[in-house]
Amino acid sequence: MNHSQQIDGVLLADKAAGMTSHDVVAIARRQLRSLGVEKVGHCGTLDPLATGLLILTIGRGTKIQDLIMAEDKEYVGALKLGEVTDSQDADGEITETKPVPELTRAQLDAAFAKFHGDFYQTPPMVSAIKKGGVPLYKLARKGQTVEREPRFVHVYAHEIQAVRLPEIDFRVVCSKGFYVRTYAHDIGQELGCGAHLRALRRTKSGKFSVDLAVTVDEIKNGNPSEWTKKILTLPQVSILRGA
């Protein structure tokens, strides 16, 4: 990429666990500033617990953020049965524990099958959705629970990849706005013993795959003139998206 011209496009980043999506943007912005880039955004927030594909938009690439965010996502994850948490994932406080029965593969298949195709999902209290201008997670911290609008979501494909009770590894391909931790929580409710999301990795978003992503470590400690070669130009993005 010729740095004498403005850098516009999309960079696929592989987010590490324990950091926010905003942290990744801040690291990239700091490094790209030396190349004269000011605008850096991201598509589709990943919770701190999650790893994997975070799409960074750079320069004029920020204008197509909404288009990219609207695409389907693929995740691989692990849920843990027998423990319900207030955030529906392993970062939250355990609010309920139940013994995990000897579940058959047929029972597990039936529970997962219930959350396939079109259905409504009630977003967790610990989420960035705003109620009266205040993010829900801020209300949750004060111990408040408010009515949340159920969201219409779609699961295109799902697969149970491994069963090592109390844990189940799975893969899910879903529409935008889908909460995988709510999915794990709801499957746990369906099985009668509760569950929370223990691990999550986003592997795809639309036509973009984490296989082509740059690690946050490379962005932070690598030479920008090296990793910026992986920035997809806007025409390349257009072709990839089939637009």
C-alpha atoms as a PDB file:
ATOM      1  CA  MET A   1       0.000   0.000   0.000  1.00  0.00           C
ATOM      2  CA  ASN A   2       1.396   3.380  -0.993  1.00  0.00           C
ATOM      3  CA  HIS A   3       1.635   5.554   2.108  1.00  0.00           C
ATOM      4  CA  SER A   4       1.950   8.774   0.122  1.00  0.00           C
ATOM      5  CA  GLN A   5      -1.816   8.496  -0.263  1.00  0.00           C
ATOM      6  CA  GLN A   6      -4.556   8.424   2.345  1.00  0.00           C
ATOM      7  CA  ILE A   7      -5.030   5.014   4.019  1.00  0.00           C
ATOM      8  CA  ASP A   8      -8.681   3.999   3.699  1.00  0.00           C
ATOM      9  CA  GLY A   9     -10.125   0.568   4.181  1.00  0.00           C
ATOM     10  CA  VAL A  10     -10.629  -2.303   6.553  1.00  0.00           C
ATOM     11  CA  LEU A  11      -8.192  -4.150   8.804  1.00  0.00           C
ATOM     12  CA  LEU A  12      -9.112  -7.559  10.202  1.00  0.00           C
ATOM     13  CA  ALA A  13      -7.843  -7.801  13.784  1.00  0.00           C
ATOM     14  CA  ASP A  14      -7.734 -10.862  16.031  1.00  0.00           C
ATOM     15  CA  LYS A  15      -8.778  -9.557  19.452  1.00  0.00           C
ATOM     16  CA  ALA A  16      -7.122 -11.102  22.487  1.00  0.00           C
ATOM     17  CA  ALA A  17      -9.101 -12.037  25.624  1.00  0.00           C
ATOM     18  CA  GLY A  18      -9.385  -9.556  28.482  1.00  0.00           C
ATOM     19  CA  MET A  19      -9.464  -6.398  26.388  1.00  0.00           C
ATOM     20  CA  THR A  20     -12.382  -4.364  25.095  1.00  0.00           C
ATOM     21  CA  SER A  21     -13.044  -3.675  21.413  1.00  0.00           C
ATOM     22  CA  HIS A  22     -12.348  -0.026  22.211  1.00  0.00           C
ATOM     23  CA  ASP A  23      -8.856  -0.975  23.500  1.00  0.00           C
ATOM     24  CA  VAL A  24      -8.058  -2.505  20.088  1.00  0.00           C
ATOM     25  CA  VAL A  25      -9.232   0.657  18.293  1.00  0.00           C
ATOM     26  CA  ALA A  26      -7.087   2.827  20.607  1.00  0.00           C
ATOM     27  CA  ILE A  27      -3.977   0.696  19.939  1.00  0.00           C
ATOM     28  CA  ALA A  28      -4.519   0.824  16.149  1.00  0.00           C
ATOM     29  CA  ARG A  29      -5.248   4.570  16.222  1.00  0.00           C
ATOM     30  CA  ARG A  30      -2.068   5.256  18.177  1.00  0.00           C
ATOM     31  CA  GLN A  31       0.033   3.322  15.644  1.00  0.00           C
ATOM     32  CA  LEU A  32      -1.717   4.696  12.543  1.00  0.00           C
ATOM     33  CA  ARG A  33      -1.396   8.295  13.692  1.00  0.00           C
ATOM     34  CA  SER A  34       2.277   8.158  12.666  1.00  0.00           C
ATOM     35  CA  LEU A  35       1.021   7.531   9.103  1.00  0.00           C
ATOM     36  CA  GLY A  36      -1.371  10.466   9.235  1.00  0.00           C
ATOM     37  CA  VAL A  37      -4.536   8.442   9.894  1.00  0.00           C
ATOM     38  CA  GLU A  38      -6.986   9.907  12.404  1.00  0.00           C
ATOM     39  CA  LYS A  39     -10.198   7.958  11.854  1.00  0.00           C
ATOM     40  CA  VAL A  40     -10.372   4.412  13.169  1.00  0.00           C
ATOM     41  CA  GLY A  41     -13.613   2.629  14.080  1.00  0.00           C
ATOM     42  CA  HIS A  42     -14.774  -0.937  14.604  1.00  0.00           C
ATOM     43  CA  CYS A  43     -17.693  -3.129  13.553  1.00  0.00           C
ATOM     44  CA  GLY A  44     -19.541  -5.349  16.024  1.00  0.00           C
ATOM     45  CA  THR A  45     -18.307  -5.134  19.604  1.00  0.00           C
ATOM     46  CA  LEU A  46     -16.752  -8.216  21.203  1.00  0.00           C
ATOM     47  CA  ASP A  47     -17.044  -8.635  24.977  1.00  0.00           C
ATOM     48  CA  PRO A  48     -13.732  -8.652  26.929  1.00  0.00           C
ATOM     49  CA  LEU A  49     -14.036 -12.441  27.402  1.00  0.00           C
ATOM     50  CA  ALA A  50     -14.282 -13.048  23.644  1.00  0.00           C
ATOM     51  CA  THR A  51     -11.434 -13.369  21.154  1.00  0.00           C
ATOM     52  CA  GLY A  52     -11.319 -13.378  17.391  1.00  0.00           C
ATOM     53  CA  LEU A  53     -12.406 -11.279  14.479  1.00  0.00           C
ATOM     54  CA  LEU A  54     -12.818  -7.567  15.085  1.00  0.00           C
ATOM     55  CA  ILE A  55     -13.151  -5.537  11.903  1.00  0.00           C
ATOM     56  CA  LEU A  56     -11.427  -2.165  12.131  1.00  0.00           C
ATOM     57  CA  THR A  57     -12.483   0.559   9.697  1.00  0.00           C
ATOM     58  CA  ILE A  58      -9.820   3.064   8.727  1.00  0.00           C
ATOM     59  CA  GLY A  59     -10.129   6.529   7.177  1.00  0.00           C
ATOM     60  CA  ARG A  60     -13.022   6.594   4.712  1.00  0.00           C
ATOM     61  CA  GLY A  61     -13.620   2.943   5.601  1.00  0.00           C
ATOM     62  CA  THR A  62     -15.546   4.256   8.627  1.00  0.00           C
ATOM     63  CA  LYS A  63     -18.347   5.263   6.208  1.00  0.00           C
ATOM     64  CA  ILE A  64     -19.163   1.608   5.426  1.00  0.00           C
ATOM     65  CA  GLN A  65     -19.213   0.534   9.092  1.00  0.00           C
ATOM     66  CA  ASP A  66     -22.998  -0.012   9.157  1.00  0.00           C
ATOM     67  CA  LEU A  67     -22.942  -2.130   5.997  1.00  0.00           C
ATOM     68  CA  ILE A  68     -20.264  -4.417   7.396  1.00  0.00           C
ATOM     69  CA  MET A  69     -21.938  -4.649  10.812  1.00  0.00           C
ATOM     70  CA  ALA A  70     -25.188  -5.848   9.244  1.00  0.00           C
ATOM     71  CA  GLU A  71     -23.642  -9.128   8.055  1.00  0.00           C
ATOM     72  CA  ASP A  72     -23.973 -12.596   9.601  1.00  0.00           C
ATOM     73  CA  LYS A  73     -21.410 -13.805  12.118  1.00  0.00           C
ATOM     74  CA  GLU A  74     -19.888 -17.180  12.937  1.00  0.00           C
ATOM     75  CA  TYR A  75     -18.689 -18.057  16.438  1.00  0.00           C
ATOM     76  CA  VAL A  76     -17.179 -21.039  18.186  1.00  0.00           C
ATOM     77  CA  GLY A  77     -17.610 -21.207  21.940  1.00  0.00           C
ATOM     78  CA  ALA A  78     -18.003 -23.256  25.078  1.00  0.00           C
ATOM     79  CA  LEU A  79     -20.865 -23.133  27.544  1.00  0.00           C
ATOM     80  CA  LYS A  80     -20.739 -24.432  31.090  1.00  0.00           C
ATOM     81  CA  LEU A  81     -23.837 -26.106  32.478  1.00  0.00           C
ATOM     82  CA  GLY A  82     -24.937 -25.922  36.110  1.00  0.00           C
ATOM     83  CA  GLU A  83     -23.978 -22.287  36.754  1.00  0.00           C
ATOM     84  CA  VAL A  84     -25.991 -19.158  35.908  1.00  0.00           C
ATOM     85  CA  THR A  85     -24.212 -15.779  36.068  1.00  0.00           C
ATOM     86  CA  ASP A  86     -25.555 -12.222  36.132  1.00  0.00           C
ATOM     87  CA  SER A  87     -23.772 -11.358  32.866  1.00  0.00           C
ATOM     88  CA  GLN A  88     -24.544 -14.753  31.277  1.00  0.00           C
ATOM     89  CA  ASP A  89     -20.807 -15.309  30.789  1.00  0.00           C
ATOM     90  CA  ALA A  90     -17.780 -16.292  32.881  1.00  0.00           C
ATOM     91  CA  ASP A  91     -16.954 -12.651  33.683  1.00  0.00           C
ATOM     92  CA  GLY A  92     -20.097 -12.308  35.800  1.00  0.00           C
ATOM     93  CA  GLU A  93     -21.023 -13.307  39.350  1.00  0.00           C
ATOM     94  CA  ILE A  94     -22.590 -16.755  39.806  1.00  0.00           C
ATOM     95  CA  THR A  95     -26.223 -16.258  40.841  1.00  0.00           C
ATOM     96  CA  GLU A  96     -27.428 -19.859  40.766  1.00  0.00           C
ATOM     97  CA  THR A  97     -25.906 -23.352  40.770  1.00  0.00           C
ATOM     98  CA  LYS A  98     -27.674 -26.590  39.967  1.00  0.00           C
ATOM     99  CA  PRO A  99     -26.507 -30.178  39.562  1.00  0.00           C
ATOM    100  CA  VAL A 100     -25.971 -31.186  35.940  1.00  0.00           C
ATOM    101  CA  PRO A 101     -27.989 -34.310  35.119  1.00  0.00           C
ATOM    102  CA  GLU A 102     -26.671 -37.126  32.922  1.00  0.00           C
ATOM    103  CA  LEU A 103     -27.838 -35.586  29.663  1.00  0.00           C
ATOM    104  CA  THR A 104     -28.118 -37.692  26.527  1.00  0.00           C
ATOM    105  CA  ARG A 105     -26.923 -36.479  23.155  1.00  0.00           C
ATOM    106  CA  ALA A 106     -30.574 -36.451  22.029  1.00  0.00           C
ATOM    107  CA  GLN A 107     -31.512 -34.064  24.874  1.00  0.00           C
ATOM    108  CA  LEU A 108     -28.620 -31.753  23.983  1.00  0.00           C
ATOM    109  CA  ASP A 109     -29.510 -31.833  20.283  1.00  0.00           C
ATOM    110  CA  ALA A 110     -33.139 -30.985  21.103  1.00  0.00           C
ATOM    111  CA  ALA A 111     -32.144 -28.027  23.313  1.00  0.00           C
ATOM    112  CA  PHE A 112     -29.859 -26.567  20.630  1.00  0.00           C
ATOM    113  CA  ALA A 113     -32.464 -27.229  17.907  1.00  0.00           C
ATOM    114  CA  LYS A 114     -34.967 -25.099  19.816  1.00  0.00           C
ATOM    115  CA  PHE A 115     -32.759 -22.053  19.127  1.00  0.00           C
ATOM    116  CA  HIS A 116     -32.461 -22.485  15.371  1.00  0.00           C
ATOM    117  CA  GLY A 117     -34.058 -20.391  12.624  1.00  0.00           C
ATOM    118  CA  ASP A 118     -36.114 -17.363  13.699  1.00  0.00           C
ATOM    119  CA  PHE A 119     -36.795 -16.604  17.361  1.00  0.00           C
ATOM    120  CA  TYR A 120     -36.795 -13.797  19.900  1.00  0.00           C
ATOM    121  CA  GLN A 121     -33.934 -13.198  22.279  1.00  0.00           C
ATOM    122  CA  THR A 122     -34.110 -10.987  25.374  1.00  0.00           C
ATOM    123  CA  PRO A 123     -30.786  -9.127  25.651  1.00  0.00           C
ATOM    124  CA  PRO A 124     -28.919  -9.524  28.962  1.00  0.00           C
ATOM    125  CA  MET A 125     -29.071  -6.784  31.615  1.00  0.00           C
ATOM    126  CA  VAL A 126     -25.290  -6.556  31.400  1.00  0.00           C
ATOM    127  CA  SER A 127     -25.195  -5.131  27.864  1.00  0.00           C
ATOM    128  CA  ALA A 128     -24.463  -1.854  26.097  1.00  0.00           C
ATOM    129  CA  ILE A 129     -28.073  -1.385  24.946  1.00  0.00           C
ATOM    130  CA  LYS A 130     -29.384   1.930  26.219  1.00  0.00           C
ATOM    131  CA  LYS A 131     -32.560   2.549  28.179  1.00  0.00           C
ATOM    132  CA  GLY A 132     -33.385   6.242  28.511  1.00  0.00           C
ATOM    133  CA  GLY A 133     -29.876   7.091  27.274  1.00  0.00           C
ATOM    134  CA  VAL A 134     -28.165   4.968  29.969  1.00  0.00           C
ATOM    135  CA  PRO A 135     -26.365   1.717  29.033  1.00  0.00           C
ATOM    136  CA  LEU A 136     -28.042  -1.256  30.708  1.00  0.00           C
ATOM    137  CA  TYR A 137     -24.789  -2.472  32.274  1.00  0.00           C
ATOM    138  CA  LYS A 138     -24.615   0.774  34.299  1.00  0.00           C
ATOM    139  CA  LEU A 139     -28.117   0.128  35.653  1.00  0.00           C
ATOM    140  CA  ALA A 140     -27.186  -3.519  36.321  1.00  0.00           C
ATOM    141  CA  ARG A 141     -24.209  -2.369  38.412  1.00  0.00           C
ATOM    142  CA  LYS A 142     -26.647  -0.447  40.618  1.00  0.00           C
ATOM    143  CA  GLY A 143     -28.655  -3.643  41.041  1.00  0.00           C
ATOM    144  CA  GLN A 144     -31.481  -2.429  38.799  1.00  0.00           C
ATOM    145  CA  THR A 145     -33.300  -4.672  36.359  1.00  0.00           C
ATOM    146  CA  VAL A 146     -35.405  -3.123  33.628  1.00  0.00           C
ATOM    147  CA  GLU A 147     -37.741  -4.466  30.980  1.00  0.00           C
ATOM    148  CA  ARG A 148     -35.742  -5.288  27.826  1.00  0.00           C
ATOM    149  CA  GLU A 149     -37.248  -5.372  24.369  1.00  0.00           C
ATOM    150  CA  PRO A 150     -36.887  -8.904  22.913  1.00  0.00           C
ATOM    151  CA  ARG A 151     -34.931  -8.902  19.636  1.00  0.00           C
ATOM    152  CA  PHE A 152     -35.800 -10.884  16.557  1.00  0.00           C
ATOM    153  CA  VAL A 153     -32.735 -12.973  15.660  1.00  0.00           C
ATOM    154  CA  HIS A 154     -31.867 -15.824  13.335  1.00  0.00           C
ATOM    155  CA  VAL A 155     -29.572 -18.840  13.660  1.00  0.00           C
ATOM    156  CA  TYR A 156     -28.572 -20.152  10.214  1.00  0.00           C
ATOM    157  CA  ALA A 157     -26.467 -23.084  11.397  1.00  0.00           C
ATOM    158  CA  HIS A 158     -25.356 -24.663  14.640  1.00  0.00           C
ATOM    159  CA  GLU A 159     -23.262 -27.625  15.632  1.00  0.00           C
ATOM    160  CA  ILE A 160     -22.369 -29.319  18.916  1.00  0.00           C
ATOM    161  CA  GLN A 161     -18.647 -29.903  18.487  1.00  0.00           C
ATOM    162  CA  ALA A 162     -17.752 -31.667  21.738  1.00  0.00           C
ATOM    163  CA  VAL A 163     -19.467 -32.720  24.960  1.00  0.00           C
ATOM    164  CA  ARG A 164     -17.433 -32.936  28.173  1.00  0.00           C
ATOM    165  CA  LEU A 165     -20.077 -32.294  30.790  1.00  0.00           C
ATOM    166  CA  PRO A 166     -20.500 -29.822  32.372  1.00  0.00           C
ATOM    167  CA  GLU A 167     -19.021 -28.178  29.238  1.00  0.00           C
ATOM    168  CA  ILE A 168     -20.247 -28.203  25.653  1.00  0.00           C
ATOM    169  CA  ASP A 169     -18.287 -26.826  22.686  1.00  0.00           C
ATOM    170  CA  PHE A 170     -20.409 -25.431  19.891  1.00  0.00           C
ATOM    171  CA  ARG A 171     -20.392 -23.443  16.649  1.00  0.00           C
ATOM    172  CA  VAL A 172     -23.155 -21.031  15.651  1.00  0.00           C
ATOM    173  CA  VAL A 173     -23.820 -18.892  12.564  1.00  0.00           C
ATOM    174  CA  CYS A 174     -26.196 -16.064  13.431  1.00  0.00           C
ATOM    175  CA  SER A 175     -27.667 -12.733  12.398  1.00  0.00           C
ATOM    176  CA  LYS A 176     -26.363  -9.375  13.618  1.00  0.00           C
ATOM    177  CA  GLY A 177     -27.374  -8.251  17.111  1.00  0.00           C
ATOM    178  CA  PHE A 178     -27.263 -11.838  18.379  1.00  0.00           C
ATOM    179  CA  TYR A 179     -26.032 -12.399  21.943  1.00  0.00           C
ATOM    180  CA  VAL A 180     -24.098 -15.659  22.143  1.00  0.00           C
ATOM    181  CA  ARG A 181     -24.039 -15.436  25.960  1.00  0.00           C
ATOM    182  CA  THR A 182     -27.851 -15.221  25.973  1.00  0.00           C
ATOM    183  CA  TYR A 183     -27.891 -18.226  23.619  1.00  0.00           C
ATOM    184  CA  ALA A 184     -25.761 -20.184  26.144  1.00  0.00           C
ATOM    185  CA  HIS A 185     -27.973 -19.013  29.024  1.00  0.00           C
ATOM    186  CA  ASP A 186     -31.200 -19.954  27.192  1.00  0.00           C
ATOM    187  CA  ILE A 187     -29.913 -23.425  26.258  1.00  0.00           C
ATOM    188  CA  GLY A 188     -29.074 -23.939  29.940  1.00  0.00           C
ATOM    189  CA  GLN A 189     -32.628 -22.936  30.916  1.00  0.00           C
ATOM    190  CA  GLU A 190     -34.016 -25.319  28.295  1.00  0.00           C
ATOM    191  CA  LEU A 191     -31.930 -28.166  29.782  1.00  0.00           C
ATOM    192  CA  GLY A 192     -33.184 -27.289  33.260  1.00  0.00           C
ATOM    193  CA  CYS A 193     -29.792 -26.840  34.912  1.00  0.00           C
ATOM    194  CA  GLY A 194     -28.770 -23.364  33.756  1.00  0.00           C
ATOM    195  CA  ALA A 195     -25.591 -22.399  31.891  1.00  0.00           C
ATOM    196  CA  HIS A 196     -23.268 -19.538  31.083  1.00  0.00           C
ATOM    197  CA  LEU A 197     -20.850 -18.818  28.258  1.00  0.00           C
ATOM    198  CA  ARG A 198     -17.349 -19.850  29.283  1.00  0.00           C
ATOM    199  CA  ALA A 199     -15.392 -19.006  26.120  1.00  0.00           C
ATOM    200  CA  LEU A 200     -16.121 -17.395  22.776  1.00  0.00           C
ATOM    201  CA  ARG A 201     -14.265 -16.752  19.541  1.00  0.00           C
ATOM    202  CA  ARG A 202     -15.642 -14.944  16.493  1.00  0.00           C
ATOM    203  CA  THR A 203     -14.344 -16.718  13.413  1.00  0.00           C
ATOM    204  CA  LYS A 204     -16.236 -14.962  10.602  1.00  0.00           C
ATOM    205  CA  SER A 205     -18.243 -11.847   9.824  1.00  0.00           C
ATOM    206  CA  GLY A 206     -19.860 -11.807   6.409  1.00  0.00           C
ATOM    207  CA  LYS A 207     -17.130 -12.830   3.939  1.00  0.00           C
ATOM    208  CA  PHE A 208     -14.315 -11.864   6.323  1.00  0.00           C
ATOM    209  CA  SER A 209     -12.467 -14.591   8.223  1.00  0.00           C
ATOM    210  CA  VAL A 210     -10.214 -14.444  11.281  1.00  0.00           C
ATOM    211  CA  ASP A 211      -7.705 -16.549   9.300  1.00  0.00           C
ATOM    212  CA  LEU A 212      -6.630 -13.346   7.533  1.00  0.00           C
ATOM    213  CA  ALA A 213      -6.488 -11.219  10.678  1.00  0.00           C
ATOM    214  CA  VAL A 214      -3.545  -9.430  12.273  1.00  0.00           C
ATOM    215  CA  THR A 215      -3.067 -10.047  16.002  1.00  0.00           C
ATOM    216  CA  VAL A 216      -3.370  -7.128  18.425  1.00  0.00           C
ATOM    217  CA  ASP A 217       0.218  -7.866  19.445  1.00  0.00           C
ATOM    218  CA  GLU A 218       1.356  -7.330  15.830  1.00  0.00           C
ATOM    219  CA  ILE A 219      -0.537  -4.023  15.706  1.00  0.00           C
ATOM    220  CA  LYS A 220       0.869  -2.889  19.047  1.00  0.00           C
ATOM    221  CA  ASN A 221       4.485  -4.027  18.695  1.00  0.00           C
ATOM    222  CA  GLY A 222       5.002  -4.624  14.980  1.00  0.00           C
ATOM    223  CA  ASN A 223       6.165  -2.191  12.354  1.00  0.00           C
ATOM    224  CA  PRO A 224       3.096  -0.314  10.979  1.00  0.00           C
ATOM    225  CA  SER A 225       4.583  -0.357   7.473  1.00  0.00           C
ATOM    226  CA  GLU A 226       4.425  -4.183   7.674  1.00  0.00           C
ATOM    227  CA  TRP A 227       0.955  -4.849   9.060  1.00  0.00           C
ATOM    228  CA  THR A 228      -0.698  -1.993   7.157  1.00  0.00           C
ATOM    229  CA  LYS A 229      -0.018  -4.062   4.018  1.00  0.00           C
ATOM    230  CA  LYS A 230      -2.898  -6.234   5.255  1.00  0.00           C
ATOM    231  CA  ILE A 231      -5.382  -3.356   5.164  1.00  0.00           C
ATOM    232  CA  LEU A 232      -8.042  -4.162   2.552  1.00  0.00           C
ATOM    233  CA  THR A 233      -8.746  -1.217   0.267  1.00  0.00           C
ATOM    234  CA  LEU A 234     -12.353  -0.089  -0.236  1.00  0.00           C
ATOM    235  CA  PRO A 235     -12.492  -1.636  -3.764  1.00  0.00           C
ATOM    236  CA  GLN A 236     -11.147  -4.932  -2.322  1.00  0.00           C
ATOM    237  CA  VAL A 237     -13.818  -4.817   0.418  1.00  0.00           C
ATOM    238  CA  SER A 238     -16.489  -4.206  -2.200  1.00  0.00           C
ATOM    239  CA  ILE A 239     -15.380  -7.199  -4.277  1.00  0.00           C
ATOM    240  CA  LEU A 240     -15.155  -9.430  -1.185  1.00  0.00           C
ATOM    241  CA  ARG A 241     -18.635  -8.461  -0.055  1.00  0.00           C
ATOM    242  CA  GLY A 242     -19.970  -9.063  -3.552  1.00  0.00           C
ATOM    243  CA  ALA A 243     -21.359  -5.529  -3.561  1.00  0.00           C
END
